Amino acid sequence: MAHTTRDREKLLVRVRRIRGQVEAIERTLGEEHECADLLQLVAACRGALNGLMSELMEGHIRSHVLNGRQKPTSEQLVAADEVIAMVKSYLK
C-alpha cells in the first residue's frame, strides 16, 4: 500500500480530525443538546469519513488498478479518472 505510506501524515491528520468530530458527537449526546446540533455533527462526521474514503479509493486506483510497473495508456488514465470522479460524486 505505497500510497498510504506516502500519504501517511496527511491521512493521519484527517483521521485525528474525524476522531475529534466523533468525540464532539459523544459530548453533545452527554450534554443533551438539541437534535439539530447532533444531526449537524453526525452529518459533518459522515462527510469527513466519505472524504477519507474518497482519498483512499483514488490512491488505490492510481497505485494498484493502474499498473505501477508500466506507463498507463491515455485510455487507461481517462477510465481511471472517470471511476475516481464517479466514486467522489457518490461519496459526496
PDB file of N, CA and C in Angstrom:
ATOM      1  N   MET A   1       0.832  -1.184   0.000  1.00  0.00           N
ATOM      2  CA  MET A   1       0.000   0.000   0.000  1.00  0.00           C
ATOM      3  C   MET A   1       0.877   1.248   0.000  1.00  0.00           C
ATOM      4  N   ALA A   2       1.624   1.422  -1.047  1.00  0.00           N
ATOM      5  CA  ALA A   2       2.584   2.519  -1.138  1.00  0.00           C
ATOM      6  C   ALA A   2       1.913   3.881  -1.017  1.00  0.00           C
ATOM      7  N   HIS A   3       0.714   4.021  -1.543  1.00  0.00           N
ATOM      8  CA  HIS A   3       0.060   5.329  -1.497  1.00  0.00           C
ATOM      9  C   HIS A   3      -0.304   5.717  -0.065  1.00  0.00           C
ATOM     10  N   THR A   4      -0.655   4.761   0.793  1.00  0.00           N
ATOM     11  CA  THR A   4      -0.958   5.109   2.185  1.00  0.00           C
ATOM     12  C   THR A   4       0.321   5.394   2.959  1.00  0.00           C
ATOM     13  N   THR A   5       1.395   4.736   2.605  1.00  0.00           N
ATOM     14  CA  THR A   5       2.678   5.011   3.253  1.00  0.00           C
ATOM     15  C   THR A   5       3.165   6.399   2.865  1.00  0.00           C
ATOM     16  N   ARG A   6       3.041   6.719   1.595  1.00  0.00           N
ATOM     17  CA  ARG A   6       3.498   8.014   1.086  1.00  0.00           C
ATOM     18  C   ARG A   6       2.679   9.158   1.686  1.00  0.00           C
ATOM     19  N   ASP A   7       1.376   8.950   1.866  1.00  0.00           N
ATOM     20  CA  ASP A   7       0.476   9.992   2.362  1.00  0.00           C
ATOM     21  C   ASP A   7       0.112   9.803   3.834  1.00  0.00           C
ATOM     22  N   ARG A   8       0.915   9.046   4.552  1.00  0.00           N
ATOM     23  CA  ARG A   8       0.575   8.667   5.931  1.00  0.00           C
ATOM     24  C   ARG A   8       0.232   9.862   6.813  1.00  0.00           C
ATOM     25  N   GLU A   9       1.078  10.871   6.851  1.00  0.00           N
ATOM     26  CA  GLU A   9       0.845  12.004   7.757  1.00  0.00           C
ATOM     27  C   GLU A   9      -0.440  12.745   7.407  1.00  0.00           C
ATOM     28  N   LYS A  10      -0.664  12.952   6.125  1.00  0.00           N
ATOM     29  CA  LYS A  10      -1.881  13.640   5.694  1.00  0.00           C
ATOM     30  C   LYS A  10      -3.122  12.837   6.077  1.00  0.00           C
ATOM     31  N   LEU A  11      -3.055  11.524   5.910  1.00  0.00           N
ATOM     32  CA  LEU A  11      -4.183  10.664   6.266  1.00  0.00           C
ATOM     33  C   LEU A  11      -4.400  10.636   7.777  1.00  0.00           C
ATOM     34  N   LEU A  12      -3.317  10.590   8.535  1.00  0.00           N
ATOM     35  CA  LEU A  12      -3.442  10.585   9.990  1.00  0.00           C
ATOM     36  C   LEU A  12      -4.065  11.885  10.504  1.00  0.00           C
ATOM     37  N   VAL A  13      -3.734  13.001   9.890  1.00  0.00           N
ATOM     38  CA  VAL A  13      -4.344  14.279  10.273  1.00  0.00           C
ATOM     39  C   VAL A  13      -5.849  14.213  10.048  1.00  0.00           C
ATOM     40  N   ARG A  14      -6.255  13.640   8.925  1.00  0.00           N
ATOM     41  CA  ARG A  14      -7.697  13.510   8.642  1.00  0.00           C
ATOM     42  C   ARG A  14      -8.372  12.612   9.660  1.00  0.00           C
ATOM     43  N   VAL A  15      -7.735  11.504   9.998  1.00  0.00           N
ATOM     44  CA  VAL A  15      -8.314  10.569  10.963  1.00  0.00           C
ATOM     45  C   VAL A  15      -8.433  11.234  12.339  1.00  0.00           C
ATOM     46  N   ARG A  16      -7.439  12.001  12.712  1.00  0.00           N
ATOM     47  CA  ARG A  16      -7.497  12.692  14.004  1.00  0.00           C
ATOM     48  C   ARG A  16      -8.624  13.729  14.028  1.00  0.00           C
ATOM     49  N   ARG A  17      -8.834  14.380  12.907  1.00  0.00           N
ATOM     50  CA  ARG A  17      -9.933  15.341  12.809  1.00  0.00           C
ATOM     51  C   ARG A  17     -11.273  14.613  12.948  1.00  0.00           C
ATOM     52  N   ILE A  18     -11.390  13.459  12.313  1.00  0.00           N
ATOM     53  CA  ILE A  18     -12.617  12.655  12.425  1.00  0.00           C
ATOM     54  C   ILE A  18     -12.817  12.204  13.875  1.00  0.00           C
ATOM     55  N   ARG A  19     -11.745  11.796  14.531  1.00  0.00           N
ATOM     56  CA  ARG A  19     -11.842  11.402  15.944  1.00  0.00           C
ATOM     57  C   ARG A  19     -12.408  12.555  16.774  1.00  0.00           C
ATOM     58  N   GLY A  20     -11.932  13.756  16.513  1.00  0.00           N
ATOM     59  CA  GLY A  20     -12.447  14.929  17.217  1.00  0.00           C
ATOM     60  C   GLY A  20     -13.934  15.137  16.966  1.00  0.00           C
ATOM     61  N   GLN A  21     -14.356  14.885  15.739  1.00  0.00           N
ATOM     62  CA  GLN A  21     -15.771  15.032  15.421  1.00  0.00           C
ATOM     63  C   GLN A  21     -16.610  13.983  16.154  1.00  0.00           C
ATOM     64  N   VAL A  22     -16.113  12.752  16.221  1.00  0.00           N
ATOM     65  CA  VAL A  22     -16.830  11.694  16.934  1.00  0.00           C
ATOM     66  C   VAL A  22     -16.904  12.027  18.426  1.00  0.00           C
ATOM     67  N   GLU A  23     -15.822  12.548  18.961  1.00  0.00           N
ATOM     68  CA  GLU A  23     -15.826  12.954  20.371  1.00  0.00           C
ATOM     69  C   GLU A  23     -16.822  14.085  20.616  1.00  0.00           C
ATOM     70  N   ALA A  24     -16.958  14.991  19.661  1.00  0.00           N
ATOM     71  CA  ALA A  24     -17.948  16.066  19.783  1.00  0.00           C
ATOM     72  C   ALA A  24     -19.362  15.494  19.770  1.00  0.00           C
ATOM     73  N   ILE A  25     -19.593  14.469  18.971  1.00  0.00           N
ATOM     74  CA  ILE A  25     -20.901  13.809  18.965  1.00  0.00           C
ATOM     75  C   ILE A  25     -21.171  13.204  20.343  1.00  0.00           C
ATOM     76  N   GLU A  26     -20.180  12.540  20.891  1.00  0.00           N
ATOM     77  CA  GLU A  26     -20.331  11.923  22.209  1.00  0.00           C
ATOM     78  C   GLU A  26     -20.636  12.982  23.278  1.00  0.00           C
ATOM     79  N   ARG A  27     -19.901  14.096  23.245  1.00  0.00           N
ATOM     80  CA  ARG A  27     -20.143  15.174  24.221  1.00  0.00           C
ATOM     81  C   ARG A  27     -21.547  15.747  24.073  1.00  0.00           C
ATOM     82  N   THR A  28     -21.959  15.941  22.843  1.00  0.00           N
ATOM     83  CA  THR A  28     -23.276  16.514  22.574  1.00  0.00           C
ATOM     84  C   THR A  28     -24.378  15.602  23.096  1.00  0.00           C
ATOM     85  N   LEU A  29     -24.210  14.314  22.902  1.00  0.00           N
ATOM     86  CA  LEU A  29     -25.188  13.365  23.441  1.00  0.00           C
ATOM     87  C   LEU A  29     -25.212  13.411  24.967  1.00  0.00           C
ATOM     88  N   GLY A  30     -24.053  13.478  25.577  1.00  0.00           N
ATOM     89  CA  GLY A  30     -23.964  13.502  27.031  1.00  0.00           C
ATOM     90  C   GLY A  30     -24.528  14.764  27.647  1.00  0.00           C
ATOM     91  N   GLU A  31     -24.467  15.862  26.916  1.00  0.00           N
ATOM     92  CA  GLU A  31     -24.927  17.143  27.440  1.00  0.00           C
ATOM     93  C   GLU A  31     -26.362  17.469  27.051  1.00  0.00           C
ATOM     94  N   GLU A  32     -27.012  16.546  26.371  1.00  0.00           N
ATOM     95  CA  GLU A  32     -28.420  16.701  25.987  1.00  0.00           C
ATOM     96  C   GLU A  32     -28.683  17.976  25.182  1.00  0.00           C
ATOM     97  N   HIS A  33     -27.927  18.175  24.136  1.00  0.00           N
ATOM     98  CA  HIS A  33     -28.135  19.312  23.232  1.00  0.00           C
ATOM     99  C   HIS A  33     -29.341  19.049  22.340  1.00  0.00           C
ATOM    100  N   GLU A  34     -29.665  20.042  21.563  1.00  0.00           N
ATOM    101  CA  GLU A  34     -30.779  19.927  20.619  1.00  0.00           C
ATOM    102  C   GLU A  34     -30.472  18.887  19.543  1.00  0.00           C
ATOM    103  N   CYS A  35     -31.521  18.269  19.036  1.00  0.00           N
ATOM    104  CA  CYS A  35     -31.378  17.261  17.978  1.00  0.00           C
ATOM    105  C   CYS A  35     -30.675  17.836  16.749  1.00  0.00           C
ATOM    106  N   ALA A  36     -30.999  19.069  16.401  1.00  0.00           N
ATOM    107  CA  ALA A  36     -30.400  19.691  15.212  1.00  0.00           C
ATOM    108  C   ALA A  36     -28.882  19.796  15.349  1.00  0.00           C
ATOM    109  N   ASP A  37     -28.408  20.115  16.546  1.00  0.00           N
ATOM    110  CA  ASP A  37     -26.965  20.188  16.778  1.00  0.00           C
ATOM    111  C   ASP A  37     -26.316  18.826  16.559  1.00  0.00           C
ATOM    112  N   LEU A  38     -26.944  17.806  17.094  1.00  0.00           N
ATOM    113  CA  LEU A  38     -26.413  16.451  16.963  1.00  0.00           C
ATOM    114  C   LEU A  38     -26.425  15.995  15.506  1.00  0.00           C
ATOM    115  N   LEU A  39     -27.508  16.249  14.815  1.00  0.00           N
ATOM    116  CA  LEU A  39     -27.603  15.861  13.404  1.00  0.00           C
ATOM    117  C   LEU A  39     -26.539  16.556  12.564  1.00  0.00           C
ATOM    118  N   GLN A  40     -26.282  17.821  12.856  1.00  0.00           N
ATOM    119  CA  GLN A  40     -25.242  18.567  12.134  1.00  0.00           C
ATOM    120  C   GLN A  40     -23.872  17.946  12.357  1.00  0.00           C
ATOM    121  N   LEU A  41     -23.580  17.575  13.595  1.00  0.00           N
ATOM    122  CA  LEU A  41     -22.294  16.942  13.896  1.00  0.00           C
ATOM    123  C   LEU A  41     -22.155  15.593  13.201  1.00  0.00           C
ATOM    124  N   VAL A  42     -23.217  14.805  13.207  1.00  0.00           N
ATOM    125  CA  VAL A  42     -23.170  13.495  12.555  1.00  0.00           C
ATOM    126  C   VAL A  42     -22.980  13.663  11.045  1.00  0.00           C
ATOM    127  N   ALA A  43     -23.667  14.635  10.455  1.00  0.00           N
ATOM    128  CA  ALA A  43     -23.513  14.876   9.019  1.00  0.00           C
ATOM    129  C   ALA A  43     -22.086  15.311   8.680  1.00  0.00           C
ATOM    130  N   ALA A  44     -21.502  16.156   9.526  1.00  0.00           N
ATOM    131  CA  ALA A  44     -20.126  16.601   9.296  1.00  0.00           C
ATOM    132  C   ALA A  44     -19.163  15.429   9.404  1.00  0.00           C
ATOM    133  N   CYS A  45     -19.384  14.563  10.378  1.00  0.00           N
ATOM    134  CA  CYS A  45     -18.527  13.393  10.568  1.00  0.00           C
ATOM    135  C   CYS A  45     -18.653  12.444   9.371  1.00  0.00           C
ATOM    136  N   ARG A  46     -19.876  12.230   8.922  1.00  0.00           N
ATOM    137  CA  ARG A  46     -20.093  11.375   7.756  1.00  0.00           C
ATOM    138  C   ARG A  46     -19.382  11.951   6.540  1.00  0.00           C
ATOM    139  N   GLY A  47     -19.457  13.257   6.356  1.00  0.00           N
ATOM    140  CA  GLY A  47     -18.765  13.894   5.239  1.00  0.00           C
ATOM    141  C   GLY A  47     -17.258  13.723   5.322  1.00  0.00           C
ATOM    142  N   ALA A  48     -16.725  13.839   6.535  1.00  0.00           N
ATOM    143  CA  ALA A  48     -15.280  13.667   6.717  1.00  0.00           C
ATOM    144  C   ALA A  48     -14.864  12.225   6.424  1.00  0.00           C
ATOM    145  N   LEU A  49     -15.665  11.259   6.865  1.00  0.00           N
ATOM    146  CA  LEU A  49     -15.362   9.856   6.574  1.00  0.00           C
ATOM    147  C   LEU A  49     -15.452   9.582   5.080  1.00  0.00           C
ATOM    148  N   ASN A  50     -16.460  10.146   4.427  1.00  0.00           N
ATOM    149  CA  ASN A  50     -16.580   9.970   2.982  1.00  0.00           C
ATOM    150  C   ASN A  50     -15.397  10.597   2.255  1.00  0.00           C
ATOM    151  N   GLY A  51     -14.930  11.743   2.730  1.00  0.00           N
ATOM    152  CA  GLY A  51     -13.749  12.366   2.121  1.00  0.00           C
ATOM    153  C   GLY A  51     -12.516  11.497   2.269  1.00  0.00           C
ATOM    154  N   LEU A  52     -12.348  10.902   3.440  1.00  0.00           N
ATOM    155  CA  LEU A  52     -11.227   9.986   3.657  1.00  0.00           C
ATOM    156  C   LEU A  52     -11.347   8.773   2.736  1.00  0.00           C
ATOM    157  N   MET A  53     -12.539   8.204   2.656  1.00  0.00           N
ATOM    158  CA  MET A  53     -12.757   7.046   1.777  1.00  0.00           C
ATOM    159  C   MET A  53     -12.455   7.408   0.329  1.00  0.00           C
ATOM    160  N   SER A  54     -12.892   8.575  -0.097  1.00  0.00           N
ATOM    161  CA  SER A  54     -12.646   9.019  -1.464  1.00  0.00           C
ATOM    162  C   SER A  54     -11.150   9.138  -1.751  1.00  0.00           C
ATOM    163  N   GLU A  55     -10.428   9.715  -0.809  1.00  0.00           N
ATOM    164  CA  GLU A  55      -8.984   9.866  -0.987  1.00  0.00           C
ATOM    165  C   GLU A  55      -8.286   8.507  -1.040  1.00  0.00           C
ATOM    166  N   LEU A  56      -8.692   7.605  -0.165  1.00  0.00           N
ATOM    167  CA  LEU A  56      -8.103   6.257  -0.169  1.00  0.00           C
ATOM    168  C   LEU A  56      -8.420   5.513  -1.463  1.00  0.00           C
ATOM    169  N   MET A  57      -9.655   5.640  -1.929  1.00  0.00           N
ATOM    170  CA  MET A  57     -10.044   4.970  -3.179  1.00  0.00           C
ATOM    171  C   MET A  57      -9.240   5.512  -4.362  1.00  0.00           C
ATOM    172  N   GLU A  58      -9.079   6.830  -4.424  1.00  0.00           N
ATOM    173  CA  GLU A  58      -8.298   7.415  -5.515  1.00  0.00           C
ATOM    174  C   GLU A  58      -6.865   6.904  -5.483  1.00  0.00           C
ATOM    175  N   GLY A  59      -6.259   6.885  -4.313  1.00  0.00           N
ATOM    176  CA  GLY A  59      -4.901   6.367  -4.198  1.00  0.00           C
ATOM    177  C   GLY A  59      -4.811   4.911  -4.604  1.00  0.00           C
ATOM    178  N   HIS A  60      -5.805   4.131  -4.205  1.00  0.00           N
ATOM    179  CA  HIS A  60      -5.814   2.709  -4.568  1.00  0.00           C
ATOM    180  C   HIS A  60      -5.908   2.536  -6.079  1.00  0.00           C
ATOM    181  N   ILE A  61      -6.803   3.277  -6.702  1.00  0.00           N
ATOM    182  CA  ILE A  61      -6.976   3.165  -8.155  1.00  0.00           C
ATOM    183  C   ILE A  61      -5.690   3.569  -8.873  1.00  0.00           C
ATOM    184  N   ARG A  62      -5.120   4.691  -8.463  1.00  0.00           N
ATOM    185  CA  ARG A  62      -3.907   5.164  -9.156  1.00  0.00           C
ATOM    186  C   ARG A  62      -2.699   4.270  -8.886  1.00  0.00           C
ATOM    187  N   SER A  63      -2.624   3.658  -7.701  1.00  0.00           N
ATOM    188  CA  SER A  63      -1.447   2.852  -7.357  1.00  0.00           C
ATOM    189  C   SER A  63      -1.588   1.376  -7.710  1.00  0.00           C
ATOM    190  N   HIS A  64      -2.805   0.849  -7.645  1.00  0.00           N
ATOM    191  CA  HIS A  64      -2.969  -0.595  -7.794  1.00  0.00           C
ATOM    192  C   HIS A  64      -3.753  -1.011  -9.029  1.00  0.00           C
ATOM    193  N   VAL A  65      -4.754  -0.238  -9.402  1.00  0.00           N
ATOM    194  CA  VAL A  65      -5.537  -0.598 -10.587  1.00  0.00           C
ATOM    195  C   VAL A  65      -4.754  -0.249 -11.849  1.00  0.00           C
ATOM    196  N   LEU A  66      -4.217   0.974 -11.876  1.00  0.00           N
ATOM    197  CA  LEU A  66      -3.289   1.310 -12.960  1.00  0.00           C
ATOM    198  C   LEU A  66      -1.973   0.641 -12.585  1.00  0.00           C
ATOM    199  N   ASN A  67      -1.469  -0.180 -13.429  1.00  0.00           N
ATOM    200  CA  ASN A  67      -0.269  -0.948 -13.133  1.00  0.00           C
ATOM    201  C   ASN A  67       0.915  -0.010 -12.943  1.00  0.00           C
ATOM    202  N   GLY A  68       1.471   0.009 -11.736  1.00  0.00           N
ATOM    203  CA  GLY A  68       2.578   0.898 -11.427  1.00  0.00           C
ATOM    204  C   GLY A  68       3.877   0.554 -12.139  1.00  0.00           C
ATOM    205  N   ARG A  69       3.962  -0.635 -12.702  1.00  0.00           N
ATOM    206  CA  ARG A  69       5.192  -1.047 -13.383  1.00  0.00           C
ATOM    207  C   ARG A  69       5.240  -0.590 -14.836  1.00  0.00           C
ATOM    208  N   GLN A  70       4.077  -0.257 -15.371  1.00  0.00           N
ATOM    209  CA  GLN A  70       4.013   0.181 -16.763  1.00  0.00           C
ATOM    210  C   GLN A  70       3.359   1.564 -16.820  1.00  0.00           C
ATOM    211  N   LYS A  71       3.766   2.340 -17.804  1.00  0.00           N
ATOM    212  CA  LYS A  71       3.114   3.631 -18.004  1.00  0.00           C
ATOM    213  C   LYS A  71       1.719   3.370 -18.566  1.00  0.00           C
ATOM    214  N   PRO A  72       0.668   3.894 -17.893  1.00  0.00           N
ATOM    215  CA  PRO A  72      -0.686   3.645 -18.369  1.00  0.00           C
ATOM    216  C   PRO A  72      -0.939   4.351 -19.699  1.00  0.00           C
ATOM    217  N   THR A  73      -1.809   3.755 -20.500  1.00  0.00           N
ATOM    218  CA  THR A  73      -2.196   4.378 -21.767  1.00  0.00           C
ATOM    219  C   THR A  73      -3.124   5.547 -21.472  1.00  0.00           C
ATOM    220  N   SER A  74      -3.323   6.385 -22.455  1.00  0.00           N
ATOM    221  CA  SER A  74      -4.223   7.526 -22.260  1.00  0.00           C
ATOM    222  C   SER A  74      -5.644   7.045 -21.995  1.00  0.00           C
ATOM    223  N   GLU A  75      -6.035   5.923 -22.619  1.00  0.00           N
ATOM    224  CA  GLU A  75      -7.366   5.368 -22.382  1.00  0.00           C
ATOM    225  C   GLU A  75      -7.505   4.891 -20.932  1.00  0.00           C
ATOM    226  N   GLN A  76      -6.461   4.275 -20.394  1.00  0.00           N
ATOM    227  CA  GLN A  76      -6.497   3.823 -19.005  1.00  0.00           C
ATOM    228  C   GLN A  76      -6.573   5.006 -18.048  1.00  0.00           C
ATOM    229  N   LEU A  77      -5.837   6.059 -18.344  1.00  0.00           N
ATOM    230  CA  LEU A  77      -5.878   7.250 -17.496  1.00  0.00           C
ATOM    231  C   LEU A  77      -7.267   7.895 -17.503  1.00  0.00           C
ATOM    232  N   VAL A  78      -7.868   7.973 -18.684  1.00  0.00           N
ATOM    233  CA  VAL A  78      -9.220   8.539 -18.792  1.00  0.00           C
ATOM    234  C   VAL A  78     -10.211   7.675 -18.018  1.00  0.00           C
ATOM    235  N   ALA A  79     -10.113   6.354 -18.183  1.00  0.00           N
ATOM    236  CA  ALA A  79     -11.017   5.447 -17.469  1.00  0.00           C
ATOM    237  C   ALA A  79     -10.834   5.573 -15.960  1.00  0.00           C
ATOM    238  N   ALA A  80      -9.601   5.657 -15.504  1.00  0.00           N
ATOM    239  CA  ALA A  80      -9.331   5.810 -14.066  1.00  0.00           C
ATOM    240  C   ALA A  80      -9.906   7.125 -13.558  1.00  0.00           C
ATOM    241  N   ASP A  81      -9.719   8.201 -14.314  1.00  0.00           N
ATOM    242  CA  ASP A  81     -10.268   9.499 -13.913  1.00  0.00           C
ATOM    243  C   ASP A  81     -11.796   9.452 -13.840  1.00  0.00           C
ATOM    244  N   GLU A  82     -12.427   8.724 -14.771  1.00  0.00           N
ATOM    245  CA  GLU A  82     -13.884   8.605 -14.752  1.00  0.00           C
ATOM    246  C   GLU A  82     -14.358   7.835 -13.521  1.00  0.00           C
ATOM    247  N   VAL A  83     -13.668   6.756 -13.184  1.00  0.00           N
ATOM    248  CA  VAL A  83     -14.042   5.977 -11.999  1.00  0.00           C
ATOM    249  C   VAL A  83     -13.841   6.810 -10.739  1.00  0.00           C
ATOM    250  N   ILE A  84     -12.734   7.522 -10.666  1.00  0.00           N
ATOM    251  CA  ILE A  84     -12.456   8.364  -9.497  1.00  0.00           C
ATOM    252  C   ILE A  84     -13.528   9.441  -9.360  1.00  0.00           C
ATOM    253  N   ALA A  85     -13.902  10.083 -10.455  1.00  0.00           N
ATOM    254  CA  ALA A  85     -14.946  11.110 -10.420  1.00  0.00           C
ATOM    255  C   ALA A  85     -16.278  10.513  -9.972  1.00  0.00           C
ATOM    256  N   MET A  86     -16.585   9.312 -10.437  1.00  0.00           N
ATOM    257  CA  MET A  86     -17.825   8.648 -10.061  1.00  0.00           C
ATOM    258  C   MET A  86     -17.828   8.335  -8.563  1.00  0.00           C
ATOM    259  N   VAL A  87     -16.715   7.810  -8.060  1.00  0.00           N
ATOM    260  CA  VAL A  87     -16.618   7.485  -6.630  1.00  0.00           C
ATOM    261  C   VAL A  87     -16.756   8.759  -5.802  1.00  0.00           C
ATOM    262  N   LYS A  88     -16.083   9.823  -6.219  1.00  0.00           N
ATOM    263  CA  LYS A  88     -16.159  11.081  -5.472  1.00  0.00           C
ATOM    264  C   LYS A  88     -17.570  11.638  -5.473  1.00  0.00           C
ATOM    265  N   SER A  89     -18.276  11.547  -6.596  1.00  0.00           N
ATOM    266  CA  SER A  89     -19.643  12.068  -6.631  1.00  0.00           C
ATOM    267  C   SER A  89     -20.571  11.209  -5.778  1.00  0.00           C
ATOM    268  N   TYR A  90     -20.329   9.916  -5.730  1.00  0.00           N
ATOM    269  CA  TYR A  90     -21.139   9.029  -4.910  1.00  0.00           C
ATOM    270  C   TYR A  90     -20.923   9.303  -3.417  1.00  0.00           C
ATOM    271  N   LEU A  91     -19.685   9.591  -3.048  1.00  0.00           N
ATOM    272  CA  LEU A  91     -19.361   9.795  -1.640  1.00  0.00           C
ATOM    273  C   LEU A  91     -19.609  11.224  -1.156  1.00  0.00           C
ATOM    274  N   LYS A  92     -20.015  12.091  -2.051  1.00  0.00           N
ATOM    275  CA  LYS A  92     -20.273  13.489  -1.652  1.00  0.00           C
ATOM    276  C   LYS A  92     -21.433  13.586  -0.717  1.00  0.00           C
TER     277      LYS A  92
END
